[in-house]
Amino acid sequence: MLLPQTRVGIAERRRPDFVAFVPLQYWNYKWVAIQLDGAHTEDQAISDKQRDTDLIEQGYEVIPIGPTQTNYLREVQRLVEIFEDWMNLAKEKPSDIAFEAEVSGVESDRLPEM
């Protein structure tokens, strides 16, 4: 699900047009900021670059989408294909998305007897 105009980080900065949290594995998501970028002025391009840098610092991958001859249709189709590829990584290459989790402790009375 795409979430529109979500606040990310410091509230005074420009917000992304949409964010998505793409499930890669149980409790492991790819954070994506989607920008609907049309024809912008040079000043706007500088602002967009700063916005993208801020989002990357917050842990998001930024994907800009611009209108084509068919408006945003082909670009959105491409975005859905990217999301599907990411969601299939758990089946195809689980070691590419696995992450190391530190165990802080165990409760011995909850361990099964061997």
PDB file of N, CA and C in Angstrom:
ATOM      1  N   MET A   1       0.846  -1.167   0.000  1.00  0.00           N
ATOM      2  CA  MET A   1       0.000   0.000   0.000  1.00  0.00           C
ATOM      3  C   MET A   1       0.897   1.238   0.000  1.00  0.00           C
ATOM      4  N   LEU A   2       0.586   2.183  -0.840  1.00  0.00           N
ATOM      5  CA  LEU A   2       1.319   3.439  -0.863  1.00  0.00           C
ATOM      6  C   LEU A   2       0.690   4.405   0.136  1.00  0.00           C
ATOM      7  N   LEU A   3       1.502   5.009   0.963  1.00  0.00           N
ATOM      8  CA  LEU A   3       1.026   5.970   1.943  1.00  0.00           C
ATOM      9  C   LEU A   3       1.379   7.370   1.453  1.00  0.00           C
ATOM     10  N   PRO A   4       0.388   8.236   1.216  1.00  0.00           N
ATOM     11  CA  PRO A   4       0.676   9.562   0.657  1.00  0.00           C
ATOM     12  C   PRO A   4       1.150  10.570   1.693  1.00  0.00           C
ATOM     13  N   GLN A   5       2.088  11.414   1.283  1.00  0.00           N
ATOM     14  CA  GLN A   5       2.567  12.570   2.042  1.00  0.00           C
ATOM     15  C   GLN A   5       2.831  12.271   3.515  1.00  0.00           C
ATOM     16  N   THR A   6       3.600  11.236   3.769  1.00  0.00           N
ATOM     17  CA  THR A   6       3.944  10.838   5.128  1.00  0.00           C
ATOM     18  C   THR A   6       5.116  11.669   5.640  1.00  0.00           C
ATOM     19  N   ARG A   7       5.031  12.100   6.867  1.00  0.00           N
ATOM     20  CA  ARG A   7       6.150  12.847   7.460  1.00  0.00           C
ATOM     21  C   ARG A   7       7.299  11.879   7.734  1.00  0.00           C
ATOM     22  N   VAL A   8       8.477  12.281   7.310  1.00  0.00           N
ATOM     23  CA  VAL A   8       9.672  11.469   7.506  1.00  0.00           C
ATOM     24  C   VAL A   8      10.723  12.352   8.161  1.00  0.00           C
ATOM     25  N   GLY A   9      11.195  11.946   9.335  1.00  0.00           N
ATOM     26  CA  GLY A   9      12.236  12.737   9.981  1.00  0.00           C
ATOM     27  C   GLY A   9      11.705  14.076  10.466  1.00  0.00           C
ATOM     28  N   ILE A  10      12.430  15.121  10.158  1.00  0.00           N
ATOM     29  CA  ILE A  10      12.102  16.464  10.619  1.00  0.00           C
ATOM     30  C   ILE A  10      10.888  16.986   9.844  1.00  0.00           C
ATOM     31  N   ALA A  11       9.867  17.412  10.554  1.00  0.00           N
ATOM     32  CA  ALA A  11       8.588  17.767   9.940  1.00  0.00           C
ATOM     33  C   ALA A  11       8.654  18.997   9.043  1.00  0.00           C
ATOM     34  N   GLU A  12       9.607  19.897   9.261  1.00  0.00           N
ATOM     35  CA  GLU A  12       9.649  21.122   8.465  1.00  0.00           C
ATOM     36  C   GLU A  12      10.132  20.885   7.037  1.00  0.00           C
ATOM     37  N   ARG A  13      10.784  19.780   6.799  1.00  0.00           N
ATOM     38  CA  ARG A  13      11.312  19.509   5.463  1.00  0.00           C
ATOM     39  C   ARG A  13      10.214  18.996   4.553  1.00  0.00           C
ATOM     40  N   ARG A  14      10.468  19.041   3.247  1.00  0.00           N
ATOM     41  CA  ARG A  14       9.478  18.548   2.279  1.00  0.00           C
ATOM     42  C   ARG A  14       9.255  17.058   2.449  1.00  0.00           C
ATOM     43  N   ARG A  15       8.017  16.654   2.325  1.00  0.00           N
ATOM     44  CA  ARG A  15       7.659  15.253   2.480  1.00  0.00           C
ATOM     45  C   ARG A  15       7.660  14.567   1.124  1.00  0.00           C
ATOM     46  N   PRO A  16       7.931  13.253   1.100  1.00  0.00           N
ATOM     47  CA  PRO A  16       7.831  12.526  -0.168  1.00  0.00           C
ATOM     48  C   PRO A  16       6.372  12.427  -0.596  1.00  0.00           C
ATOM     49  N   ASP A  17       6.154  12.235  -1.887  1.00  0.00           N
ATOM     50  CA  ASP A  17       4.785  12.092  -2.379  1.00  0.00           C
ATOM     51  C   ASP A  17       4.131  10.834  -1.817  1.00  0.00           C
ATOM     52  N   PHE A  18       4.881   9.740  -1.800  1.00  0.00           N
ATOM     53  CA  PHE A  18       4.388   8.477  -1.249  1.00  0.00           C
ATOM     54  C   PHE A  18       5.539   7.750  -0.582  1.00  0.00           C
ATOM     55  N   VAL A  19       5.219   6.912   0.400  1.00  0.00           N
ATOM     56  CA  VAL A  19       6.181   5.961   0.940  1.00  0.00           C
ATOM     57  C   VAL A  19       5.551   4.576   0.851  1.00  0.00           C
ATOM     58  N   ALA A  20       6.415   3.580   0.790  1.00  0.00           N
ATOM     59  CA  ALA A  20       5.967   2.189   0.784  1.00  0.00           C
ATOM     60  C   ALA A  20       6.958   1.388   1.613  1.00  0.00           C
ATOM     61  N   PHE A  21       6.462   0.402   2.295  1.00  0.00           N
ATOM     62  CA  PHE A  21       7.301  -0.518   3.057  1.00  0.00           C
ATOM     63  C   PHE A  21       7.100  -1.887   2.423  1.00  0.00           C
ATOM     64  N   VAL A  22       8.064  -2.307   1.633  1.00  0.00           N
ATOM     65  CA  VAL A  22       7.944  -3.533   0.844  1.00  0.00           C
ATOM     66  C   VAL A  22       8.467  -4.703   1.683  1.00  0.00           C
ATOM     67  N   PRO A  23       7.617  -5.718   1.930  1.00  0.00           N
ATOM     68  CA  PRO A  23       8.059  -6.847   2.747  1.00  0.00           C
ATOM     69  C   PRO A  23       9.059  -7.719   1.987  1.00  0.00           C
ATOM     70  N   LEU A  24      10.214  -7.906   2.612  1.00  0.00           N
ATOM     71  CA  LEU A  24      11.225  -8.790   2.035  1.00  0.00           C
ATOM     72  C   LEU A  24      11.176 -10.142   2.726  1.00  0.00           C
ATOM     73  N   GLN A  25      10.963 -10.109   4.025  1.00  0.00           N
ATOM     74  CA  GLN A  25      10.954 -11.283   4.870  1.00  0.00           C
ATOM     75  C   GLN A  25      10.224 -10.889   6.145  1.00  0.00           C
ATOM     76  N   TYR A  26       9.908 -11.840   6.975  1.00  0.00           N
ATOM     77  CA  TYR A  26       9.213 -11.545   8.226  1.00  0.00           C
ATOM     78  C   TYR A  26       9.982 -10.495   9.020  1.00  0.00           C
ATOM     79  N   TRP A  27       9.384  -9.369   9.313  1.00  0.00           N
ATOM     80  CA  TRP A  27       9.954  -8.236  10.048  1.00  0.00           C
ATOM     81  C   TRP A  27      11.092  -7.536   9.314  1.00  0.00           C
ATOM     82  N   ASN A  28      11.281  -7.781   8.052  1.00  0.00           N
ATOM     83  CA  ASN A  28      12.340  -7.130   7.278  1.00  0.00           C
ATOM     84  C   ASN A  28      11.686  -6.453   6.064  1.00  0.00           C
ATOM     85  N   TYR A  29      11.721  -5.134   6.053  1.00  0.00           N
ATOM     86  CA  TYR A  29      11.072  -4.358   4.996  1.00  0.00           C
ATOM     87  C   TYR A  29      12.063  -3.429   4.318  1.00  0.00           C
ATOM     88  N   LYS A  30      11.832  -3.168   3.059  1.00  0.00           N
ATOM     89  CA  LYS A  30      12.583  -2.155   2.330  1.00  0.00           C
ATOM     90  C   LYS A  30      11.745  -0.887   2.382  1.00  0.00           C
ATOM     91  N   TRP A  31      12.346   0.201   2.845  1.00  0.00           N
ATOM     92  CA  TRP A  31      11.649   1.472   2.955  1.00  0.00           C
ATOM     93  C   TRP A  31      11.874   2.246   1.668  1.00  0.00           C
ATOM     94  N   VAL A  32      10.791   2.671   1.033  1.00  0.00           N
ATOM     95  CA  VAL A  32      10.878   3.333  -0.268  1.00  0.00           C
ATOM     96  C   VAL A  32      10.124   4.663  -0.217  1.00  0.00           C
ATOM     97  N   ALA A  33      10.775   5.706  -0.709  1.00  0.00           N
ATOM     98  CA  ALA A  33      10.126   7.010  -0.882  1.00  0.00           C
ATOM     99  C   ALA A  33       9.931   7.212  -2.383  1.00  0.00           C
ATOM    100  N   ILE A  34       8.702   7.485  -2.776  1.00  0.00           N
ATOM    101  CA  ILE A  34       8.382   7.636  -4.199  1.00  0.00           C
ATOM    102  C   ILE A  34       8.079   9.104  -4.472  1.00  0.00           C
ATOM    103  N   GLN A  35       8.778   9.646  -5.434  1.00  0.00           N
ATOM    104  CA  GLN A  35       8.637  11.055  -5.784  1.00  0.00           C
ATOM    105  C   GLN A  35       8.010  11.169  -7.165  1.00  0.00           C
ATOM    106  N   LEU A  36       6.922  11.895  -7.269  1.00  0.00           N
ATOM    107  CA  LEU A  36       6.311  12.168  -8.567  1.00  0.00           C
ATOM    108  C   LEU A  36       6.932  13.454  -9.095  1.00  0.00           C
ATOM    109  N   ASP A  37       7.990  13.294  -9.852  1.00  0.00           N
ATOM    110  CA  ASP A  37       8.735  14.456 -10.342  1.00  0.00           C
ATOM    111  C   ASP A  37       8.388  14.738 -11.787  1.00  0.00           C
ATOM    112  N   GLY A  38       7.792  15.866 -12.011  1.00  0.00           N
ATOM    113  CA  GLY A  38       7.517  16.324 -13.368  1.00  0.00           C
ATOM    114  C   GLY A  38       8.601  17.296 -13.793  1.00  0.00           C
ATOM    115  N   ALA A  39       8.275  18.181 -14.691  1.00  0.00           N
ATOM    116  CA  ALA A  39       9.227  19.194 -15.133  1.00  0.00           C
ATOM    117  C   ALA A  39       9.372  20.240 -14.037  1.00  0.00           C
ATOM    118  N   HIS A  40      10.572  20.369 -13.507  1.00  0.00           N
ATOM    119  CA  HIS A  40      10.832  21.312 -12.425  1.00  0.00           C
ATOM    120  C   HIS A  40      11.834  22.366 -12.865  1.00  0.00           C
ATOM    121  N   THR A  41      11.798  23.479 -12.160  1.00  0.00           N
ATOM    122  CA  THR A  41      12.785  24.531 -12.389  1.00  0.00           C
ATOM    123  C   THR A  41      14.112  24.099 -11.771  1.00  0.00           C
ATOM    124  N   GLU A  42      15.158  24.856 -12.056  1.00  0.00           N
ATOM    125  CA  GLU A  42      16.473  24.532 -11.499  1.00  0.00           C
ATOM    126  C   GLU A  42      16.456  24.659  -9.975  1.00  0.00           C
ATOM    127  N   ASP A  43      15.770  25.679  -9.455  1.00  0.00           N
ATOM    128  CA  ASP A  43      15.657  25.839  -8.003  1.00  0.00           C
ATOM    129  C   ASP A  43      14.947  24.644  -7.371  1.00  0.00           C
ATOM    130  N   GLN A  44      13.898  24.179  -8.033  1.00  0.00           N
ATOM    131  CA  GLN A  44      13.157  23.026  -7.531  1.00  0.00           C
ATOM    132  C   GLN A  44      14.017  21.766  -7.571  1.00  0.00           C
ATOM    133  N   ALA A  45      14.851  21.637  -8.602  1.00  0.00           N
ATOM    134  CA  ALA A  45      15.741  20.470  -8.711  1.00  0.00           C
ATOM    135  C   ALA A  45      16.732  20.438  -7.550  1.00  0.00           C
ATOM    136  N   ILE A  46      17.228  21.597  -7.147  1.00  0.00           N
ATOM    137  CA  ILE A  46      18.149  21.669  -6.002  1.00  0.00           C
ATOM    138  C   ILE A  46      17.423  21.253  -4.727  1.00  0.00           C
ATOM    139  N   SER A  47      16.205  21.732  -4.556  1.00  0.00           N
ATOM    140  CA  SER A  47      15.395  21.366  -3.397  1.00  0.00           C
ATOM    141  C   SER A  47      15.090  19.870  -3.398  1.00  0.00           C
ATOM    142  N   ASP A  48      14.781  19.320  -4.585  1.00  0.00           N
ATOM    143  CA  ASP A  48      14.504  17.883  -4.706  1.00  0.00           C
ATOM    144  C   ASP A  48      15.719  17.059  -4.301  1.00  0.00           C
ATOM    145  N   LYS A  49      16.897  17.498  -4.704  1.00  0.00           N
ATOM    146  CA  LYS A  49      18.127  16.763  -4.378  1.00  0.00           C
ATOM    147  C   LYS A  49      18.348  16.746  -2.863  1.00  0.00           C
ATOM    148  N   GLN A  50      18.105  17.887  -2.206  1.00  0.00           N
ATOM    149  CA  GLN A  50      18.244  17.955  -0.749  1.00  0.00           C
ATOM    150  C   GLN A  50      17.214  17.053  -0.070  1.00  0.00           C
ATOM    151  N   ARG A  51      15.984  17.062  -0.566  1.00  0.00           N
ATOM    152  CA  ARG A  51      14.927  16.207  -0.030  1.00  0.00           C
ATOM    153  C   ARG A  51      15.329  14.737  -0.151  1.00  0.00           C
ATOM    154  N   ASP A  52      15.844  14.350  -1.324  1.00  0.00           N
ATOM    155  CA  ASP A  52      16.258  12.968  -1.537  1.00  0.00           C
ATOM    156  C   ASP A  52      17.390  12.578  -0.598  1.00  0.00           C
ATOM    157  N   THR A  53      18.337  13.473  -0.392  1.00  0.00           N
ATOM    158  CA  THR A  53      19.450  13.211   0.527  1.00  0.00           C
ATOM    159  C   THR A  53      18.925  12.987   1.940  1.00  0.00           C
ATOM    160  N   ASP A  54      17.982  13.827   2.361  1.00  0.00           N
ATOM    161  CA  ASP A  54      17.387  13.671   3.693  1.00  0.00           C
ATOM    162  C   ASP A  54      16.697  12.314   3.834  1.00  0.00           C
ATOM    163  N   LEU A  55      15.963  11.910   2.797  1.00  0.00           N
ATOM    164  CA  LEU A  55      15.258  10.629   2.841  1.00  0.00           C
ATOM    165  C   LEU A  55      16.230   9.460   2.890  1.00  0.00           C
ATOM    166  N   ILE A  56      17.304   9.532   2.123  1.00  0.00           N
ATOM    167  CA  ILE A  56      18.316   8.468   2.133  1.00  0.00           C
ATOM    168  C   ILE A  56      18.945   8.358   3.518  1.00  0.00           C
ATOM    169  N   GLU A  57      19.199   9.509   4.148  1.00  0.00           N
ATOM    170  CA  GLU A  57      19.761   9.503   5.507  1.00  0.00           C
ATOM    171  C   GLU A  57      18.810   8.860   6.510  1.00  0.00           C
ATOM    172  N   GLN A  58      17.511   8.926   6.243  1.00  0.00           N
ATOM    173  CA  GLN A  58      16.513   8.304   7.119  1.00  0.00           C
ATOM    174  C   GLN A  58      16.324   6.817   6.824  1.00  0.00           C
ATOM    175  N   GLY A  59      17.033   6.273   5.816  1.00  0.00           N
ATOM    176  CA  GLY A  59      16.969   4.846   5.511  1.00  0.00           C
ATOM    177  C   GLY A  59      16.052   4.474   4.365  1.00  0.00           C
ATOM    178  N   TYR A  60      15.581   5.447   3.607  1.00  0.00           N
ATOM    179  CA  TYR A  60      14.690   5.178   2.481  1.00  0.00           C
ATOM    180  C   TYR A  60      15.478   5.070   1.179  1.00  0.00           C
ATOM    181  N   GLU A  61      14.997   4.240   0.284  1.00  0.00           N
ATOM    182  CA  GLU A  61      15.480   4.255  -1.093  1.00  0.00           C
ATOM    183  C   GLU A  61      14.521   5.167  -1.850  1.00  0.00           C
ATOM    184  N   VAL A  62      15.062   6.125  -2.581  1.00  0.00           N
ATOM    185  CA  VAL A  62      14.236   7.098  -3.285  1.00  0.00           C
ATOM    186  C   VAL A  62      14.072   6.660  -4.739  1.00  0.00           C
ATOM    187  N   ILE A  63      12.819   6.594  -5.171  1.00  0.00           N
ATOM    188  CA  ILE A  63      12.521   6.251  -6.559  1.00  0.00           C
ATOM    189  C   ILE A  63      11.717   7.402  -7.166  1.00  0.00           C
ATOM    190  N   PRO A  64      12.338   8.141  -8.091  1.00  0.00           N
ATOM    191  CA  PRO A  64      11.585   9.209  -8.753  1.00  0.00           C
ATOM    192  C   PRO A  64      10.771   8.647  -9.916  1.00  0.00           C
ATOM    193  N   ILE A  65       9.574   9.160 -10.061  1.00  0.00           N
ATOM    194  CA  ILE A  65       8.713   8.757 -11.169  1.00  0.00           C
ATOM    195  C   ILE A  65       8.305  10.025 -11.905  1.00  0.00           C
ATOM    196  N   GLY A  66       8.543  10.026 -13.202  1.00  0.00           N
ATOM    197  CA  GLY A  66       8.161  11.176 -14.014  1.00  0.00           C
ATOM    198  C   GLY A  66       7.153  10.767 -15.071  1.00  0.00           C
ATOM    199  N   PRO A  67       6.336  11.709 -15.491  1.00  0.00           N
ATOM    200  CA  PRO A  67       5.331  11.374 -16.503  1.00  0.00           C
ATOM    201  C   PRO A  67       5.980  11.105 -17.859  1.00  0.00           C
ATOM    202  N   THR A  68       5.396  10.169 -18.602  1.00  0.00           N
ATOM    203  CA  THR A  68       5.835   9.872 -19.960  1.00  0.00           C
ATOM    204  C   THR A  68       4.669  10.181 -20.894  1.00  0.00           C
ATOM    205  N   GLN A  69       4.717   9.678 -22.107  1.00  0.00           N
ATOM    206  CA  GLN A  69       3.625   9.916 -23.055  1.00  0.00           C
ATOM    207  C   GLN A  69       2.309   9.346 -22.549  1.00  0.00           C
ATOM    208  N   THR A  70       2.371   8.301 -21.753  1.00  0.00           N
ATOM    209  CA  THR A  70       1.145   7.688 -21.207  1.00  0.00           C
ATOM    210  C   THR A  70       0.938   8.123 -19.761  1.00  0.00           C
ATOM    211  N   ASN A  71       1.360   9.329 -19.433  1.00  0.00           N
ATOM    212  CA  ASN A  71       1.325   9.843 -18.067  1.00  0.00           C
ATOM    213  C   ASN A  71       2.184   8.964 -17.176  1.00  0.00           C
ATOM    214  N   TYR A  72       1.646   8.481 -16.068  1.00  0.00           N
ATOM    215  CA  TYR A  72       2.455   7.714 -15.126  1.00  0.00           C
ATOM    216  C   TYR A  72       2.258   6.209 -15.251  1.00  0.00           C
ATOM    217  N   LEU A  73       1.450   5.754 -16.196  1.00  0.00           N
ATOM    218  CA  LEU A  73       1.088   4.341 -16.270  1.00  0.00           C
ATOM    219  C   LEU A  73       2.309   3.429 -16.365  1.00  0.00           C
ATOM    220  N   ARG A  74       3.172   3.632 -17.331  1.00  0.00           N
ATOM    221  CA  ARG A  74       4.338   2.754 -17.515  1.00  0.00           C
ATOM    222  C   ARG A  74       5.283   2.829 -16.320  1.00  0.00           C
ATOM    223  N   GLU A  75       5.441   4.019 -15.775  1.00  0.00           N
ATOM    224  CA  GLU A  75       6.321   4.179 -14.613  1.00  0.00           C
ATOM    225  C   GLU A  75       5.780   3.433 -13.391  1.00  0.00           C
ATOM    226  N   VAL A  76       4.483   3.479 -13.188  1.00  0.00           N
ATOM    227  CA  VAL A  76       3.881   2.762 -12.059  1.00  0.00           C
ATOM    228  C   VAL A  76       3.979   1.253 -12.283  1.00  0.00           C
ATOM    229  N   GLN A  77       3.799   0.799 -13.511  1.00  0.00           N
ATOM    230  CA  GLN A  77       3.980  -0.625 -13.823  1.00  0.00           C
ATOM    231  C   GLN A  77       5.404  -1.059 -13.497  1.00  0.00           C
ATOM    232  N   ARG A  78       6.378  -0.228 -13.838  1.00  0.00           N
ATOM    233  CA  ARG A  78       7.784  -0.525 -13.537  1.00  0.00           C
ATOM    234  C   ARG A  78       7.994  -0.601 -12.027  1.00  0.00           C
ATOM    235  N   LEU A  79       7.372   0.301 -11.285  1.00  0.00           N
ATOM    236  CA  LEU A  79       7.483   0.309  -9.832  1.00  0.00           C
ATOM    237  C   LEU A  79       6.913  -0.976  -9.226  1.00  0.00           C
ATOM    238  N   VAL A  80       5.769  -1.414  -9.707  1.00  0.00           N
ATOM    239  CA  VAL A  80       5.154  -2.656  -9.219  1.00  0.00           C
ATOM    240  C   VAL A  80       6.075  -3.845  -9.519  1.00  0.00           C
ATOM    241  N   GLU A  81       6.696  -3.859 -10.697  1.00  0.00           N
ATOM    242  CA  GLU A  81       7.634  -4.929 -11.040  1.00  0.00           C
ATOM    243  C   GLU A  81       8.835  -4.932 -10.101  1.00  0.00           C
ATOM    244  N   ILE A  82       9.346  -3.764  -9.754  1.00  0.00           N
ATOM    245  CA  ILE A  82      10.464  -3.664  -8.806  1.00  0.00           C
ATOM    246  C   ILE A  82      10.046  -4.224  -7.451  1.00  0.00           C
ATOM    247  N   PHE A  83       8.862  -3.836  -6.974  1.00  0.00           N
ATOM    248  CA  PHE A  83       8.369  -4.339  -5.685  1.00  0.00           C
ATOM    249  C   PHE A  83       8.235  -5.863  -5.712  1.00  0.00           C
ATOM    250  N   GLU A  84       7.698  -6.412  -6.795  1.00  0.00           N
ATOM    251  CA  GLU A  84       7.555  -7.868  -6.904  1.00  0.00           C
ATOM    252  C   GLU A  84       8.912  -8.559  -6.868  1.00  0.00           C
ATOM    253  N   ASP A  85       9.892  -7.997  -7.566  1.00  0.00           N
ATOM    254  CA  ASP A  85      11.242  -8.569  -7.553  1.00  0.00           C
ATOM    255  C   ASP A  85      11.800  -8.581  -6.130  1.00  0.00           C
ATOM    256  N   TRP A  86      11.637  -7.491  -5.397  1.00  0.00           N
ATOM    257  CA  TRP A  86      12.131  -7.430  -4.019  1.00  0.00           C
ATOM    258  C   TRP A  86      11.425  -8.457  -3.146  1.00  0.00           C
ATOM    259  N   MET A  87      10.102  -8.604  -3.318  1.00  0.00           N
ATOM    260  CA  MET A  87       9.354  -9.538  -2.477  1.00  0.00           C
ATOM    261  C   MET A  87       9.700 -10.993  -2.791  1.00  0.00           C
ATOM    262  N   ASN A  88      10.209 -11.277  -3.967  1.00  0.00           N
ATOM    263  CA  ASN A  88      10.602 -12.637  -4.329  1.00  0.00           C
ATOM    264  C   ASN A  88      12.015 -12.984  -3.880  1.00  0.00           C
ATOM    265  N   LEU A  89      12.772 -12.018  -3.383  1.00  0.00           N
ATOM    266  CA  LEU A  89      14.136 -12.291  -2.935  1.00  0.00           C
ATOM    267  C   LEU A  89      14.193 -13.335  -1.829  1.00  0.00           C
ATOM    268  N   ALA A  90      13.206 -13.365  -0.952  1.00  0.00           N
ATOM    269  CA  ALA A  90      13.210 -14.333   0.156  1.00  0.00           C
ATOM    270  C   ALA A  90      13.190 -15.759  -0.363  1.00  0.00           C
ATOM    271  N   LYS A  91      12.529 -15.984  -1.482  1.00  0.00           N
ATOM    272  CA  LYS A  91      12.477 -17.325  -2.066  1.00  0.00           C
ATOM    273  C   LYS A  91      13.736 -17.631  -2.869  1.00  0.00           C
ATOM    274  N   GLU A  92      14.184 -16.651  -3.653  1.00  0.00           N
ATOM    275  CA  GLU A  92      15.273 -16.873  -4.601  1.00  0.00           C
ATOM    276  C   GLU A  92      16.664 -16.724  -3.984  1.00  0.00           C
ATOM    277  N   LYS A  93      16.867 -15.709  -3.152  1.00  0.00           N
ATOM    278  CA  LYS A  93      18.182 -15.440  -2.573  1.00  0.00           C
ATOM    279  C   LYS A  93      18.029 -14.999  -1.115  1.00  0.00           C
ATOM    280  N   PRO A  94      17.631 -15.901  -0.235  1.00  0.00           N
ATOM    281  CA  PRO A  94      17.368 -15.492   1.153  1.00  0.00           C
ATOM    282  C   PRO A  94      18.589 -14.902   1.855  1.00  0.00           C
ATOM    283  N   SER A  95      19.780 -15.345   1.496  1.00  0.00           N
ATOM    284  CA  SER A  95      20.967 -14.807   2.161  1.00  0.00           C
ATOM    285  C   SER A  95      21.240 -13.354   1.788  1.00  0.00           C
ATOM    286  N   ASP A  96      20.686 -12.875   0.671  1.00  0.00           N
ATOM    287  CA  ASP A  96      20.882 -11.482   0.269  1.00  0.00           C
ATOM    288  C   ASP A  96      20.085 -10.508   1.140  1.00  0.00           C
ATOM    289  N   ILE A  97      19.014 -10.977   1.767  1.00  0.00           N
ATOM    290  CA  ILE A  97      18.196 -10.070   2.568  1.00  0.00           C
ATOM    291  C   ILE A  97      18.205 -10.415   4.051  1.00  0.00           C
ATOM    292  N   ALA A  98      18.863 -11.504   4.417  1.00  0.00           N
ATOM    293  CA  ALA A  98      18.922 -11.886   5.823  1.00  0.00           C
ATOM    294  C   ALA A  98      19.721 -10.840   6.595  1.00  0.00           C
ATOM    295  N   PHE A  99      19.362 -10.658   7.836  1.00  0.00           N
ATOM    296  CA  PHE A  99      20.109  -9.734   8.678  1.00  0.00           C
ATOM    297  C   PHE A  99      20.432 -10.408   9.994  1.00  0.00           C
ATOM    298  N   GLU A 100      21.499  -9.949  10.615  1.00  0.00           N
ATOM    299  CA  GLU A 100      21.963 -10.542  11.847  1.00  0.00           C
ATOM    300  C   GLU A 100      21.223  -9.901  13.017  1.00  0.00           C
ATOM    301  N   ALA A 101      20.676 -10.714  13.886  1.00  0.00           N
ATOM    302  CA  ALA A 101      19.958 -10.225  15.070  1.00  0.00           C
ATOM    303  C   ALA A 101      20.688 -10.695  16.308  1.00  0.00           C
ATOM    304  N   GLU A 102      20.978  -9.775  17.179  1.00  0.00           N
ATOM    305  CA  GLU A 102      21.676 -10.102  18.414  1.00  0.00           C
ATOM    306  C   GLU A 102      20.684 -10.664  19.429  1.00  0.00           C
ATOM    307  N   VAL A 103      21.056 -11.768  20.062  1.00  0.00           N
ATOM    308  CA  VAL A 103      20.224 -12.365  21.099  1.00  0.00           C
ATOM    309  C   VAL A 103      20.673 -11.776  22.426  1.00  0.00           C
ATOM    310  N   SER A 104      19.747 -11.139  23.113  1.00  0.00           N
ATOM    311  CA  SER A 104      20.112 -10.486  24.376  1.00  0.00           C
ATOM    312  C   SER A 104      19.975 -11.423  25.576  1.00  0.00           C
ATOM    313  N   GLY A 105      19.269 -12.519  25.401  1.00  0.00           N
ATOM    314  CA  GLY A 105      19.121 -13.471  26.499  1.00  0.00           C
ATOM    315  C   GLY A 105      18.073 -14.514  26.166  1.00  0.00           C
ATOM    316  N   VAL A 106      18.071 -15.582  26.963  1.00  0.00           N
ATOM    317  CA  VAL A 106      17.083 -16.642  26.792  1.00  0.00           C
ATOM    318  C   VAL A 106      16.511 -17.000  28.160  1.00  0.00           C
ATOM    319  N   GLU A 107      15.294 -17.452  28.139  1.00  0.00           N
ATOM    320  CA  GLU A 107      14.677 -17.930  29.370  1.00  0.00           C
ATOM    321  C   GLU A 107      14.765 -19.458  29.340  1.00  0.00           C
ATOM    322  N   SER A 108      15.602 -20.019  30.184  1.00  0.00           N
ATOM    323  CA  SER A 108      15.864 -21.460  30.128  1.00  0.00           C
ATOM    324  C   SER A 108      14.630 -22.289  30.435  1.00  0.00           C
ATOM    325  N   ASP A 109      13.701 -21.768  31.236  1.00  0.00           N
ATOM    326  CA  ASP A 109      12.520 -22.567  31.550  1.00  0.00           C
ATOM    327  C   ASP A 109      11.555 -22.647  30.355  1.00  0.00           C
ATOM    328  N   ARG A 110      11.793 -21.893  29.316  1.00  0.00           N
ATOM    329  CA  ARG A 110      10.933 -21.946  28.140  1.00  0.00           C
ATOM    330  C   ARG A 110      11.540 -22.783  27.017  1.00  0.00           C
ATOM    331  N   LEU A 111      12.758 -23.245  27.208  1.00  0.00           N
ATOM    332  CA  LEU A 111      13.403 -24.058  26.182  1.00  0.00           C
ATOM    333  C   LEU A 111      12.838 -25.473  26.234  1.00  0.00           C
ATOM    334  N   PRO A 112      12.615 -26.088  25.077  1.00  0.00           N
ATOM    335  CA  PRO A 112      12.100 -27.456  25.076  1.00  0.00           C
ATOM    336  C   PRO A 112      13.175 -28.435  25.557  1.00  0.00           C
ATOM    337  N   GLU A 113      12.726 -29.487  26.195  1.00  0.00           N
ATOM    338  CA  GLU A 113      13.667 -30.509  26.656  1.00  0.00           C
ATOM    339  C   GLU A 113      14.068 -31.383  25.488  1.00  0.00           C
ATOM    340  N   MET A 114      15.307 -31.754  25.464  1.00  0.00           N
ATOM    341  CA  MET A 114      15.832 -32.588  24.379  1.00  0.00           C
ATOM    342  C   MET A 114      15.839 -34.028  24.786  1.00  0.00           C
TER     343      MET A 114
END
